[in-house]
Amino acid sequence: MYAALWRILPGSLWVKIAILSGAALVVIAVLMMFVFPAVNAAISVREVTVNQ
């Protein structure tokens, strides 16, 4: 899968690295802004007890 992705990207080595880095940053940003807050609201654990 990664080899196929690498082959279809245009440009030289540095252009491919820049494209993949940008794509990774976009995925992380989407996860942080939309996915993780939605999951947190869905499985919110309000009562936490710590015994010592």
Protein backbone atom coordinates (compact mmCIF):
# COMPACT_ATOMS: atom_id res chain seq x y z
CA MET A 1 0.00 0.00 0.00
CA TYR A 2 2.72 2.48 0.93
CA ALA A 3 4.76 1.58 -2.13
CA ALA A 4 1.76 2.23 -4.37
CA LEU A 5 1.16 5.58 -2.67
CA TRP A 6 4.82 6.49 -3.09
CA ARG A 7 4.74 5.62 -6.81
CA ILE A 8 1.64 7.68 -7.63
CA LEU A 9 2.90 10.86 -5.95
CA PRO A 10 4.40 13.37 -8.38
CA GLY A 11 7.81 15.00 -8.08
CA SER A 12 11.19 14.23 -6.65
CA LEU A 13 12.04 12.71 -3.29
CA TRP A 14 11.72 16.01 -1.40
CA VAL A 15 8.40 16.86 -3.02
CA LYS A 16 7.01 13.46 -2.05
CA ILE A 17 8.24 13.89 1.51
CA ALA A 18 6.64 17.35 1.69
CA ILE A 19 3.32 16.06 0.34
CA LEU A 20 3.21 13.16 2.78
CA SER A 21 4.22 15.39 5.71
CA GLY A 22 1.47 17.85 4.85
CA ALA A 23 -1.06 15.05 4.55
CA ALA A 24 -0.02 13.66 7.93
CA LEU A 25 -0.43 17.10 9.52
CA VAL A 26 -3.90 17.47 8.02
CA VAL A 27 -4.95 14.05 9.34
CA ILE A 28 -3.64 14.87 12.82
CA ALA A 29 -5.41 18.25 12.81
CA VAL A 30 -8.73 16.68 11.77
CA LEU A 31 -8.39 14.06 14.49
CA MET A 32 -7.63 16.67 17.16
CA MET A 33 -10.41 19.07 16.12
CA PHE A 34 -13.29 16.74 15.26
CA VAL A 35 -12.78 13.05 16.00
CA PHE A 36 -11.26 13.08 19.50
CA PRO A 37 -13.78 15.59 20.97
CA ALA A 38 -16.68 13.57 19.55
CA VAL A 39 -15.30 10.35 21.02
CA ASN A 40 -14.66 12.08 24.35
CA ALA A 41 -18.29 13.25 24.52
CA ALA A 42 -19.56 9.79 23.59
CA ILE A 43 -17.60 7.92 26.26
CA SER A 44 -17.31 10.56 28.94
CA VAL A 45 -16.34 9.06 32.28
CA ARG A 46 -17.34 11.53 34.98
CA GLU A 47 -17.01 9.43 38.10
CA VAL A 48 -13.45 8.40 38.72
CA THR A 49 -12.40 6.95 42.06
CA VAL A 50 -8.79 6.54 43.05
CA ASN A 51 -8.16 4.44 46.16
CA GLN A 52 -4.87 4.52 47.97
